[in-house]
Each structure stands twice: as C-alpha cells, then as structure tokens.
C-alpha cells in the first residue's frame, strides 16, 4: 500500500470525521481522482510535438495518456471537429496516491521560488485546480528528450461536501498551500 494512501486510511479519515462531526463513515471526504491535462494549442498541428507531450505526461503519470480532440469546429481558433487539441490522463486509486506523493515530496520542492499553491483554486464543488508552468520538475522527465516545454493543469476531484472540507482534506494530505488568504 502506498504511504499516502495508508496515511489517509489510518490518520486523515479519523481526523476529518472528528473535525466535521461526520456520523456516517461513507460521508468522510476522500480524493476520488486526479486529472492531468495539457492544452496543446498550436503545437497540436505538429504530430511529433503532440506525441512528445503524450509520452511526457504518460511518463509523469505512470499511465498511458490520451489525445483529446475538438468537439466542434471553431474558425477563430483554426480548429476543425476531430482535430487533436490536447492530452489528458485520469488517475485513480494506487496510481493517484503515488502521483500525489511524488508531486508533494519531489516535484513541488524543485520549483524555484515556490511559495505554495494558490488557495483560490477551488471550484465551489469541492474540487481543486492548479497549473504548473513546465514538466521538468518531475524526476522522470529527461531534458534532452523534450522537444518543447509545456505546462499542465492538475485537477484533484474530491467527495467532500464543500470547499472548506476539501481544503482541510488536501491540507492534511500534505498539499503545500500558500500562506495567507
């Protein structure tokens, strides 16, 4: 069992149940999934760069990433229906906890001048979103294999009832939030 998953099962669930006075153990907030996505933009036209993004995200996540395609044609963006526009991967269970552990303990501390993740990334439905500017902070990524650096958006989906519970859950998991408001 993953270290973070064990910590959640043994310590965090109990703490959340006491703090929010939850009677039913099924209502204790949990992390449901983590979605890593990259909008390729103009790079989606170049199949080599798009494949490099897929390979990089697959390496970071430990699971095969998929290419997302446009649902509609939009002339202003020079995109037709069915054109590739990005890359995403959804992590659950063991891989999700392994990724979060790696993100918290290895990747985020490697960011230069890191002051914590913003506290305003909650969407009102107890999910947390934040972006990273480049993929080079992850230890699996080799600089020589990267054709072009890109950022990524990470969404942490929780089963919490509100943003306050979700914030406390992520705080107990070890997500480094910025100080202040």
N, C-alpha and C. Protein backbone atom coordinates (compact mmCIF):
# COMPACT_ATOMS: atom_id res chain seq x y z
N UNK A 1 0.84 -1.19 0.00
CA UNK A 1 0.00 0.00 0.00
C UNK A 1 0.88 1.24 0.00
N UNK A 2 0.49 2.21 -0.76
CA UNK A 2 1.20 3.47 -0.87
C UNK A 2 1.23 4.19 0.49
N UNK A 3 2.31 4.90 0.74
CA UNK A 3 2.49 5.62 2.00
C UNK A 3 1.39 6.65 2.24
N UNK A 4 1.03 7.40 1.20
CA UNK A 4 0.00 8.43 1.33
C UNK A 4 -1.38 7.81 1.52
N UNK A 5 -1.64 6.70 0.85
CA UNK A 5 -2.92 6.01 0.99
C UNK A 5 -3.07 5.46 2.41
N UNK A 6 -2.00 4.92 2.95
CA UNK A 6 -2.01 4.41 4.32
C UNK A 6 -2.24 5.54 5.32
N UNK A 7 -1.61 6.68 5.09
CA UNK A 7 -1.79 7.84 5.96
C UNK A 7 -3.24 8.30 5.93
N UNK A 8 -3.83 8.30 4.73
CA UNK A 8 -5.23 8.70 4.61
C UNK A 8 -6.13 7.74 5.38
N UNK A 9 -5.93 6.44 5.19
CA UNK A 9 -6.78 5.43 5.82
C UNK A 9 -6.62 5.41 7.34
N UNK A 10 -5.41 5.60 7.84
CA UNK A 10 -5.16 5.46 9.27
C UNK A 10 -5.30 6.74 10.08
N UNK A 11 -4.98 7.89 9.48
CA UNK A 11 -4.96 9.13 10.26
C UNK A 11 -5.97 10.17 9.77
N UNK A 12 -5.96 10.45 8.49
CA UNK A 12 -6.72 11.58 7.95
C UNK A 12 -8.23 11.35 8.05
N UNK A 13 -8.69 10.15 7.72
CA UNK A 13 -10.14 9.86 7.80
C UNK A 13 -10.67 10.12 9.21
N UNK A 14 -9.94 9.64 10.20
CA UNK A 14 -10.35 9.81 11.60
C UNK A 14 -10.38 11.30 11.98
N UNK A 15 -9.34 12.03 11.59
CA UNK A 15 -9.26 13.46 11.91
C UNK A 15 -10.40 14.24 11.27
N UNK A 16 -10.71 13.93 10.01
CA UNK A 16 -11.81 14.63 9.32
C UNK A 16 -13.16 14.29 9.95
N UNK A 17 -13.34 13.04 10.34
CA UNK A 17 -14.60 12.64 10.95
C UNK A 17 -14.84 13.38 12.26
N UNK A 18 -13.79 13.53 13.07
CA UNK A 18 -13.91 14.26 14.33
C UNK A 18 -14.11 15.76 14.09
N UNK A 19 -13.29 16.33 13.20
CA UNK A 19 -13.32 17.77 12.97
C UNK A 19 -14.66 18.26 12.43
N UNK A 20 -15.25 17.52 11.49
CA UNK A 20 -16.51 17.94 10.88
C UNK A 20 -17.72 17.21 11.46
N UNK A 21 -17.51 16.42 12.53
CA UNK A 21 -18.57 15.70 13.23
C UNK A 21 -19.43 14.89 12.26
N UNK A 22 -18.77 14.08 11.47
CA UNK A 22 -19.46 13.25 10.47
C UNK A 22 -19.82 11.92 11.12
N UNK A 23 -21.10 11.59 11.12
CA UNK A 23 -21.57 10.36 11.76
C UNK A 23 -21.44 9.15 10.84
N UNK A 24 -21.79 9.31 9.58
CA UNK A 24 -21.73 8.22 8.61
C UNK A 24 -20.33 8.14 8.01
N UNK A 25 -19.62 7.02 8.16
CA UNK A 25 -18.25 6.92 7.62
C UNK A 25 -18.19 7.03 6.10
N UNK A 26 -19.31 6.80 5.42
CA UNK A 26 -19.32 6.94 3.95
C UNK A 26 -19.29 8.40 3.51
N UNK A 27 -19.59 9.32 4.42
CA UNK A 27 -19.60 10.75 4.09
C UNK A 27 -18.27 11.44 4.38
N UNK A 28 -17.28 10.69 4.84
CA UNK A 28 -15.97 11.28 5.10
C UNK A 28 -15.33 11.66 3.77
N UNK A 29 -14.86 12.91 3.64
CA UNK A 29 -14.26 13.34 2.36
C UNK A 29 -13.07 12.47 1.94
N UNK A 30 -12.99 12.21 0.64
CA UNK A 30 -11.91 11.42 0.08
C UNK A 30 -11.51 12.02 -1.26
N UNK A 31 -10.32 11.66 -1.72
CA UNK A 31 -9.89 12.08 -3.05
C UNK A 31 -10.36 11.00 -4.02
N UNK A 32 -11.16 11.41 -4.99
CA UNK A 32 -11.75 10.46 -5.94
C UNK A 32 -10.81 10.17 -7.11
N UNK A 33 -10.27 11.26 -7.71
CA UNK A 33 -9.38 11.08 -8.86
C UNK A 33 -8.54 12.32 -9.06
N UNK A 34 -7.48 12.18 -9.85
CA UNK A 34 -6.62 13.29 -10.25
C UNK A 34 -6.55 13.27 -11.77
N UNK A 35 -6.83 14.43 -12.38
CA UNK A 35 -6.79 14.55 -13.83
C UNK A 35 -5.65 15.49 -14.20
N UNK A 36 -4.74 15.02 -15.05
CA UNK A 36 -3.65 15.85 -15.56
C UNK A 36 -3.96 16.13 -17.02
N UNK A 37 -4.01 17.41 -17.38
CA UNK A 37 -4.33 17.76 -18.76
C UNK A 37 -3.40 18.83 -19.29
N UNK A 38 -3.20 18.77 -20.61
CA UNK A 38 -2.35 19.75 -21.30
C UNK A 38 -3.10 20.21 -22.54
N UNK A 39 -3.27 21.52 -22.67
CA UNK A 39 -3.82 22.08 -23.90
C UNK A 39 -2.65 22.33 -24.84
N UNK A 40 -2.66 21.69 -25.99
CA UNK A 40 -1.51 21.76 -26.88
C UNK A 40 -1.45 23.06 -27.69
N UNK A 41 -2.58 23.71 -27.89
CA UNK A 41 -2.58 24.96 -28.66
C UNK A 41 -2.12 24.73 -30.10
N UNK A 42 -1.26 25.59 -30.60
CA UNK A 42 -0.76 25.49 -31.97
C UNK A 42 0.15 24.27 -32.17
N UNK A 43 0.71 23.75 -31.06
CA UNK A 43 1.58 22.58 -31.16
C UNK A 43 0.82 21.31 -31.53
N UNK A 44 -0.51 21.34 -31.43
CA UNK A 44 -1.31 20.15 -31.77
C UNK A 44 -1.22 19.84 -33.26
N UNK A 45 -0.87 20.82 -34.08
CA UNK A 45 -0.75 20.59 -35.52
C UNK A 45 0.49 19.73 -35.85
N UNK A 46 1.51 19.82 -35.02
CA UNK A 46 2.74 19.06 -35.23
C UNK A 46 2.64 17.72 -34.49
N UNK A 47 2.55 16.63 -35.24
CA UNK A 47 2.33 15.32 -34.64
C UNK A 47 3.51 14.87 -33.76
N UNK A 48 4.73 15.31 -34.09
CA UNK A 48 5.88 14.93 -33.28
C UNK A 48 5.82 15.57 -31.90
N UNK A 49 5.49 16.85 -31.86
CA UNK A 49 5.39 17.55 -30.58
C UNK A 49 4.23 16.99 -29.76
N UNK A 50 3.10 16.73 -30.41
CA UNK A 50 1.95 16.17 -29.71
C UNK A 50 2.29 14.79 -29.13
N UNK A 51 2.98 13.97 -29.90
CA UNK A 51 3.38 12.64 -29.40
C UNK A 51 4.38 12.78 -28.25
N UNK A 52 5.25 13.78 -28.31
CA UNK A 52 6.19 14.04 -27.23
C UNK A 52 5.45 14.43 -25.95
N UNK A 53 4.39 15.24 -26.08
CA UNK A 53 3.57 15.63 -24.93
C UNK A 53 2.89 14.39 -24.33
N UNK A 54 2.32 13.54 -25.19
CA UNK A 54 1.67 12.31 -24.73
C UNK A 54 2.67 11.44 -23.97
N UNK A 55 3.87 11.27 -24.53
CA UNK A 55 4.89 10.44 -23.89
C UNK A 55 5.32 11.03 -22.54
N UNK A 56 5.49 12.35 -22.48
CA UNK A 56 5.91 13.00 -21.24
C UNK A 56 4.86 12.86 -20.15
N UNK A 57 3.61 13.13 -20.49
CA UNK A 57 2.53 13.04 -19.50
C UNK A 57 2.35 11.58 -19.06
N UNK A 58 2.49 10.64 -19.99
CA UNK A 58 2.40 9.22 -19.64
C UNK A 58 3.51 8.83 -18.67
N UNK A 59 4.70 9.37 -18.89
CA UNK A 59 5.84 9.09 -18.03
C UNK A 59 5.62 9.67 -16.63
N UNK A 60 5.12 10.90 -16.56
CA UNK A 60 4.86 11.56 -15.29
C UNK A 60 3.77 10.83 -14.51
N UNK A 61 2.70 10.45 -15.20
CA UNK A 61 1.54 9.85 -14.53
C UNK A 61 1.71 8.37 -14.23
N UNK A 62 2.55 7.69 -15.01
CA UNK A 62 2.68 6.26 -14.84
C UNK A 62 1.54 5.49 -15.48
N UNK A 63 0.85 6.15 -16.38
CA UNK A 63 -0.31 5.56 -17.06
C UNK A 63 -0.42 6.22 -18.43
N UNK A 64 -0.89 5.48 -19.43
CA UNK A 64 -0.97 5.99 -20.80
C UNK A 64 -1.93 7.18 -20.89
N UNK A 65 -1.44 8.27 -21.45
CA UNK A 65 -2.26 9.45 -21.67
C UNK A 65 -2.97 9.35 -23.01
N UNK A 66 -4.10 10.04 -23.13
CA UNK A 66 -4.86 10.01 -24.38
C UNK A 66 -4.90 11.41 -24.99
N UNK A 67 -5.00 11.44 -26.31
CA UNK A 67 -5.13 12.71 -27.02
C UNK A 67 -6.60 13.10 -27.04
N UNK A 68 -6.89 14.36 -26.70
CA UNK A 68 -8.26 14.85 -26.77
C UNK A 68 -8.46 15.56 -28.10
N UNK A 69 -9.66 15.46 -28.64
CA UNK A 69 -9.96 16.06 -29.93
C UNK A 69 -11.07 17.10 -29.77
N UNK A 70 -11.12 18.03 -30.72
CA UNK A 70 -12.12 19.10 -30.69
C UNK A 70 -13.50 18.52 -30.95
N UNK A 71 -14.48 18.96 -30.17
CA UNK A 71 -15.86 18.51 -30.36
C UNK A 71 -16.57 19.31 -31.43
N UNK A 72 -16.13 20.56 -31.60
CA UNK A 72 -16.75 21.45 -32.59
C UNK A 72 -15.68 22.13 -33.42
N UNK A 73 -16.08 22.57 -34.57
CA UNK A 73 -15.19 23.38 -35.40
C UNK A 73 -15.31 24.83 -34.95
N UNK A 74 -14.15 25.50 -34.78
CA UNK A 74 -14.14 26.91 -34.40
C UNK A 74 -13.17 27.62 -35.35
N UNK A 75 -13.73 28.41 -36.26
CA UNK A 75 -12.91 29.06 -37.28
C UNK A 75 -11.91 30.04 -36.67
N UNK A 76 -12.31 30.73 -35.61
CA UNK A 76 -11.43 31.71 -34.97
C UNK A 76 -10.15 31.10 -34.42
N UNK A 77 -10.22 29.84 -34.02
CA UNK A 77 -9.05 29.14 -33.48
C UNK A 77 -8.40 28.23 -34.51
N UNK A 78 -8.92 28.23 -35.74
CA UNK A 78 -8.42 27.37 -36.81
C UNK A 78 -8.44 25.90 -36.40
N UNK A 79 -9.58 25.49 -35.83
CA UNK A 79 -9.74 24.12 -35.35
C UNK A 79 -10.98 23.51 -36.00
N UNK A 80 -10.82 22.31 -36.50
CA UNK A 80 -11.97 21.59 -37.06
C UNK A 80 -12.36 20.47 -36.10
N UNK A 81 -13.59 20.03 -36.22
CA UNK A 81 -14.07 18.93 -35.40
C UNK A 81 -13.22 17.69 -35.65
N UNK A 82 -12.77 17.06 -34.56
CA UNK A 82 -11.94 15.86 -34.68
C UNK A 82 -10.45 16.13 -34.66
N UNK A 83 -10.03 17.41 -34.73
CA UNK A 83 -8.60 17.74 -34.66
C UNK A 83 -8.10 17.53 -33.23
N UNK A 84 -6.86 17.06 -33.06
CA UNK A 84 -6.31 16.94 -31.71
C UNK A 84 -6.06 18.33 -31.11
N UNK A 85 -6.45 18.50 -29.84
CA UNK A 85 -6.26 19.80 -29.18
C UNK A 85 -5.50 19.70 -27.86
N UNK A 86 -5.33 18.50 -27.33
CA UNK A 86 -4.64 18.37 -26.05
C UNK A 86 -4.42 16.92 -25.67
N UNK A 87 -3.98 16.77 -24.42
CA UNK A 87 -3.65 15.46 -23.87
C UNK A 87 -4.17 15.43 -22.44
N UNK A 88 -4.69 14.27 -22.03
CA UNK A 88 -5.12 14.15 -20.64
C UNK A 88 -4.94 12.72 -20.15
N UNK A 89 -4.89 12.58 -18.82
CA UNK A 89 -4.84 11.28 -18.18
C UNK A 89 -5.57 11.40 -16.85
N UNK A 90 -6.36 10.38 -16.52
CA UNK A 90 -7.10 10.34 -15.26
C UNK A 90 -6.52 9.24 -14.39
N UNK A 91 -6.13 9.61 -13.16
CA UNK A 91 -5.53 8.67 -12.23
C UNK A 91 -6.48 8.38 -11.07
N UNK A 92 -6.57 7.12 -10.70
CA UNK A 92 -7.39 6.71 -9.57
C UNK A 92 -6.62 5.73 -8.70
N UNK A 93 -7.06 5.57 -7.46
CA UNK A 93 -6.54 4.59 -6.51
C UNK A 93 -5.02 4.66 -6.34
N UNK A 94 -4.32 3.53 -6.53
CA UNK A 94 -2.90 3.45 -6.24
C UNK A 94 -2.07 4.46 -7.04
N UNK A 95 -2.34 4.56 -8.34
CA UNK A 95 -1.57 5.49 -9.18
C UNK A 95 -1.81 6.94 -8.78
N UNK A 96 -3.05 7.24 -8.37
CA UNK A 96 -3.38 8.59 -7.93
C UNK A 96 -2.57 8.95 -6.68
N UNK A 97 -2.57 8.06 -5.69
CA UNK A 97 -1.83 8.33 -4.46
C UNK A 97 -0.32 8.38 -4.73
N UNK A 98 0.18 7.53 -5.62
CA UNK A 98 1.60 7.55 -5.96
C UNK A 98 1.97 8.87 -6.63
N UNK A 99 1.10 9.35 -7.54
CA UNK A 99 1.37 10.63 -8.21
C UNK A 99 1.34 11.78 -7.21
N UNK A 100 0.32 11.82 -6.33
CA UNK A 100 0.23 12.90 -5.35
C UNK A 100 1.43 12.91 -4.41
N UNK A 101 1.87 11.72 -4.00
CA UNK A 101 3.04 11.62 -3.13
C UNK A 101 4.28 12.17 -3.83
N UNK A 102 4.45 11.81 -5.10
CA UNK A 102 5.59 12.29 -5.88
C UNK A 102 5.51 13.80 -6.09
N UNK A 103 4.30 14.30 -6.35
CA UNK A 103 4.10 15.74 -6.56
C UNK A 103 4.46 16.53 -5.30
N UNK A 104 3.98 16.06 -4.15
CA UNK A 104 4.17 16.78 -2.89
C UNK A 104 5.61 16.70 -2.39
N UNK A 105 6.22 15.53 -2.47
CA UNK A 105 7.54 15.34 -1.85
C UNK A 105 8.72 15.61 -2.78
N UNK A 106 8.53 15.46 -4.10
CA UNK A 106 9.66 15.59 -5.02
C UNK A 106 9.51 16.77 -5.97
N UNK A 107 8.39 16.84 -6.70
CA UNK A 107 8.26 17.80 -7.79
C UNK A 107 8.10 19.25 -7.30
N UNK A 108 7.14 19.51 -6.42
CA UNK A 108 6.91 20.89 -5.99
C UNK A 108 8.10 21.51 -5.26
N UNK A 109 8.83 20.76 -4.41
CA UNK A 109 10.01 21.36 -3.80
C UNK A 109 11.11 21.74 -4.80
N UNK A 110 11.07 21.18 -6.02
CA UNK A 110 12.08 21.50 -7.03
C UNK A 110 11.77 22.79 -7.79
N UNK A 111 10.59 23.36 -7.57
CA UNK A 111 10.20 24.59 -8.25
C UNK A 111 10.95 25.76 -7.63
N UNK A 112 11.56 26.56 -8.47
CA UNK A 112 12.32 27.71 -8.00
C UNK A 112 11.36 28.76 -7.42
N UNK A 113 11.69 29.33 -6.27
CA UNK A 113 10.89 30.36 -5.59
C UNK A 113 9.46 29.89 -5.34
N UNK A 114 9.29 28.65 -4.95
CA UNK A 114 7.95 28.11 -4.69
C UNK A 114 7.44 28.60 -3.34
N UNK A 115 6.28 29.22 -3.34
CA UNK A 115 5.70 29.75 -2.10
C UNK A 115 4.39 29.07 -1.75
N UNK A 116 4.09 27.98 -2.40
CA UNK A 116 2.85 27.26 -2.13
C UNK A 116 1.86 27.40 -3.27
N UNK A 117 0.90 26.49 -3.30
CA UNK A 117 -0.15 26.53 -4.33
C UNK A 117 -1.23 27.52 -3.90
N UNK A 118 -1.86 28.17 -4.87
CA UNK A 118 -2.88 29.17 -4.51
C UNK A 118 -4.08 28.53 -3.80
N UNK A 119 -4.63 29.27 -2.84
CA UNK A 119 -5.78 28.77 -2.08
C UNK A 119 -7.09 28.98 -2.83
N UNK A 120 -7.08 29.77 -3.88
CA UNK A 120 -8.32 30.10 -4.58
C UNK A 120 -8.59 29.17 -5.77
N UNK A 121 -8.03 28.00 -5.77
CA UNK A 121 -8.21 27.07 -6.89
C UNK A 121 -9.43 26.17 -6.76
N UNK A 122 -10.27 26.39 -5.75
CA UNK A 122 -11.45 25.56 -5.56
C UNK A 122 -12.59 26.06 -6.44
N UNK A 123 -13.39 25.13 -6.97
CA UNK A 123 -14.41 25.49 -7.95
C UNK A 123 -15.82 25.62 -7.39
N UNK A 124 -15.99 25.51 -6.08
CA UNK A 124 -17.32 25.60 -5.50
C UNK A 124 -17.98 24.24 -5.37
N UNK A 125 -17.40 23.21 -5.96
CA UNK A 125 -17.93 21.85 -5.86
C UNK A 125 -16.91 20.92 -5.19
N UNK A 126 -16.03 21.51 -4.40
CA UNK A 126 -15.03 20.78 -3.61
C UNK A 126 -13.96 20.12 -4.45
N UNK A 127 -13.67 20.66 -5.64
CA UNK A 127 -12.58 20.18 -6.47
C UNK A 127 -11.51 21.27 -6.53
N UNK A 128 -10.25 20.87 -6.63
CA UNK A 128 -9.15 21.83 -6.62
C UNK A 128 -8.38 21.76 -7.93
N UNK A 129 -8.12 22.92 -8.52
CA UNK A 129 -7.39 23.02 -9.79
C UNK A 129 -6.17 23.92 -9.61
N UNK A 130 -5.07 23.53 -10.21
CA UNK A 130 -3.89 24.39 -10.26
C UNK A 130 -3.07 24.04 -11.48
N UNK A 131 -2.24 24.96 -11.87
CA UNK A 131 -1.41 24.76 -13.06
C UNK A 131 0.06 24.76 -12.72
N UNK A 132 0.82 24.04 -13.52
CA UNK A 132 2.28 24.04 -13.41
C UNK A 132 2.83 24.56 -14.74
N UNK A 133 3.89 25.35 -14.67
CA UNK A 133 4.42 26.00 -15.86
C UNK A 133 5.25 25.10 -16.76
N UNK A 134 5.87 24.09 -16.19
CA UNK A 134 6.68 23.20 -17.02
C UNK A 134 6.73 21.81 -16.41
N UNK A 135 7.13 20.85 -17.23
CA UNK A 135 7.14 19.46 -16.82
C UNK A 135 8.50 19.01 -16.30
N UNK A 136 9.49 19.86 -16.32
CA UNK A 136 10.86 19.47 -15.98
C UNK A 136 11.09 19.24 -14.49
N UNK A 137 10.13 19.59 -13.64
CA UNK A 137 10.29 19.41 -12.20
C UNK A 137 10.13 17.95 -11.78
N UNK A 138 9.56 17.13 -12.67
CA UNK A 138 9.37 15.72 -12.34
C UNK A 138 10.65 14.94 -12.64
N UNK A 139 11.03 14.03 -11.75
CA UNK A 139 12.31 13.33 -11.92
C UNK A 139 12.38 12.40 -13.14
N UNK A 140 11.22 11.93 -13.62
CA UNK A 140 11.23 11.01 -14.77
C UNK A 140 11.57 11.70 -16.08
N UNK A 141 11.32 13.00 -16.13
CA UNK A 141 11.48 13.74 -17.38
C UNK A 141 12.95 14.07 -17.61
N UNK A 142 13.45 13.65 -18.76
CA UNK A 142 14.83 13.93 -19.15
C UNK A 142 14.82 15.12 -20.11
N UNK A 143 15.59 16.14 -19.79
CA UNK A 143 15.58 17.38 -20.56
C UNK A 143 15.90 17.15 -22.03
N UNK A 144 16.82 16.25 -22.32
CA UNK A 144 17.23 16.00 -23.71
C UNK A 144 16.13 15.39 -24.56
N UNK A 145 15.14 14.74 -23.93
CA UNK A 145 14.06 14.10 -24.68
C UNK A 145 12.87 15.03 -24.94
N UNK A 146 12.93 16.25 -24.41
CA UNK A 146 11.82 17.20 -24.55
C UNK A 146 12.03 18.04 -25.80
N UNK A 147 11.02 18.05 -26.68
CA UNK A 147 11.09 18.90 -27.88
C UNK A 147 10.70 20.33 -27.54
N UNK A 148 9.73 20.49 -26.65
CA UNK A 148 9.25 21.82 -26.27
C UNK A 148 8.66 21.73 -24.87
N UNK A 149 9.03 22.68 -24.01
CA UNK A 149 8.46 22.65 -22.66
C UNK A 149 7.00 23.10 -22.72
N UNK A 150 6.20 22.54 -21.83
CA UNK A 150 4.78 22.89 -21.77
C UNK A 150 4.32 22.81 -20.33
N UNK A 151 3.25 23.48 -20.04
CA UNK A 151 2.66 23.43 -18.71
C UNK A 151 1.61 22.34 -18.64
N UNK A 152 0.96 22.25 -17.51
CA UNK A 152 -0.13 21.28 -17.36
C UNK A 152 -1.08 21.76 -16.28
N UNK A 153 -2.31 21.33 -16.38
CA UNK A 153 -3.31 21.63 -15.37
C UNK A 153 -3.58 20.35 -14.60
N UNK A 154 -3.64 20.46 -13.28
CA UNK A 154 -3.93 19.30 -12.45
C UNK A 154 -5.20 19.58 -11.67
N UNK A 155 -6.15 18.66 -11.78
CA UNK A 155 -7.42 18.78 -11.07
C UNK A 155 -7.51 17.63 -10.07
N UNK A 156 -7.77 17.99 -8.81
CA UNK A 156 -7.96 16.98 -7.77
C UNK A 156 -9.45 16.97 -7.43
N UNK A 157 -10.12 15.87 -7.76
CA UNK A 157 -11.56 15.73 -7.54
C UNK A 157 -11.78 15.03 -6.21
N UNK A 158 -12.58 15.65 -5.33
CA UNK A 158 -12.84 15.07 -4.02
C UNK A 158 -14.33 14.76 -3.85
N UNK A 159 -14.64 13.99 -2.82
CA UNK A 159 -16.03 13.68 -2.50
C UNK A 159 -16.54 14.55 -1.36
N UNK A 160 -15.82 15.61 -1.03
CA UNK A 160 -16.19 16.49 0.09
C UNK A 160 -17.50 17.21 -0.22
N UNK A 161 -18.19 17.62 0.85
CA UNK A 161 -19.48 18.30 0.71
C UNK A 161 -19.31 19.76 0.29
N UNK A 162 -18.19 20.38 0.66
CA UNK A 162 -17.97 21.79 0.32
C UNK A 162 -16.47 22.06 0.22
N UNK A 163 -16.14 23.30 -0.19
CA UNK A 163 -14.74 23.67 -0.38
C UNK A 163 -13.95 23.66 0.93
N UNK A 164 -14.61 23.98 2.04
CA UNK A 164 -13.92 24.00 3.33
C UNK A 164 -13.43 22.60 3.70
N UNK A 165 -14.29 21.60 3.52
CA UNK A 165 -13.89 20.23 3.81
C UNK A 165 -12.80 19.76 2.85
N UNK A 166 -12.94 20.13 1.58
CA UNK A 166 -11.94 19.74 0.58
C UNK A 166 -10.59 20.37 0.90
N UNK A 167 -10.59 21.64 1.30
CA UNK A 167 -9.34 22.31 1.66
C UNK A 167 -8.67 21.60 2.82
N UNK A 168 -9.45 21.28 3.84
CA UNK A 168 -8.89 20.60 5.02
C UNK A 168 -8.35 19.21 4.65
N UNK A 169 -9.06 18.49 3.80
CA UNK A 169 -8.61 17.18 3.33
C UNK A 169 -7.26 17.30 2.64
N UNK A 170 -7.16 18.23 1.69
CA UNK A 170 -5.91 18.38 0.94
C UNK A 170 -4.78 18.89 1.82
N UNK A 171 -5.12 19.73 2.80
CA UNK A 171 -4.13 20.23 3.74
C UNK A 171 -3.56 19.07 4.58
N UNK A 172 -4.43 18.17 5.03
CA UNK A 172 -3.98 17.02 5.82
C UNK A 172 -3.19 16.03 4.96
N UNK A 173 -3.53 15.93 3.69
CA UNK A 173 -2.79 15.05 2.77
C UNK A 173 -1.36 15.57 2.58
N UNK A 174 -1.20 16.89 2.65
CA UNK A 174 0.14 17.47 2.54
C UNK A 174 0.32 18.42 1.39
N UNK A 175 -0.76 18.82 0.73
CA UNK A 175 -0.65 19.80 -0.35
C UNK A 175 -0.14 21.11 0.23
N UNK A 176 0.95 21.65 -0.28
CA UNK A 176 1.52 22.88 0.28
C UNK A 176 0.80 24.12 -0.24
N UNK A 177 -0.15 24.63 0.54
CA UNK A 177 -0.86 25.83 0.15
C UNK A 177 -0.07 27.06 0.55
N UNK A 178 -0.28 28.16 -0.20
CA UNK A 178 0.38 29.42 0.09
C UNK A 178 -0.14 29.98 1.41
N UNK A 179 0.68 30.72 2.10
CA UNK A 179 0.28 31.34 3.36
C UNK A 179 -0.68 32.49 3.09
N UNK A 180 -1.49 32.83 4.08
CA UNK A 180 -2.43 33.94 3.94
C UNK A 180 -3.74 33.50 3.32
N UNK A 181 -4.38 34.44 2.66
CA UNK A 181 -5.68 34.16 2.06
C UNK A 181 -5.53 33.49 0.78
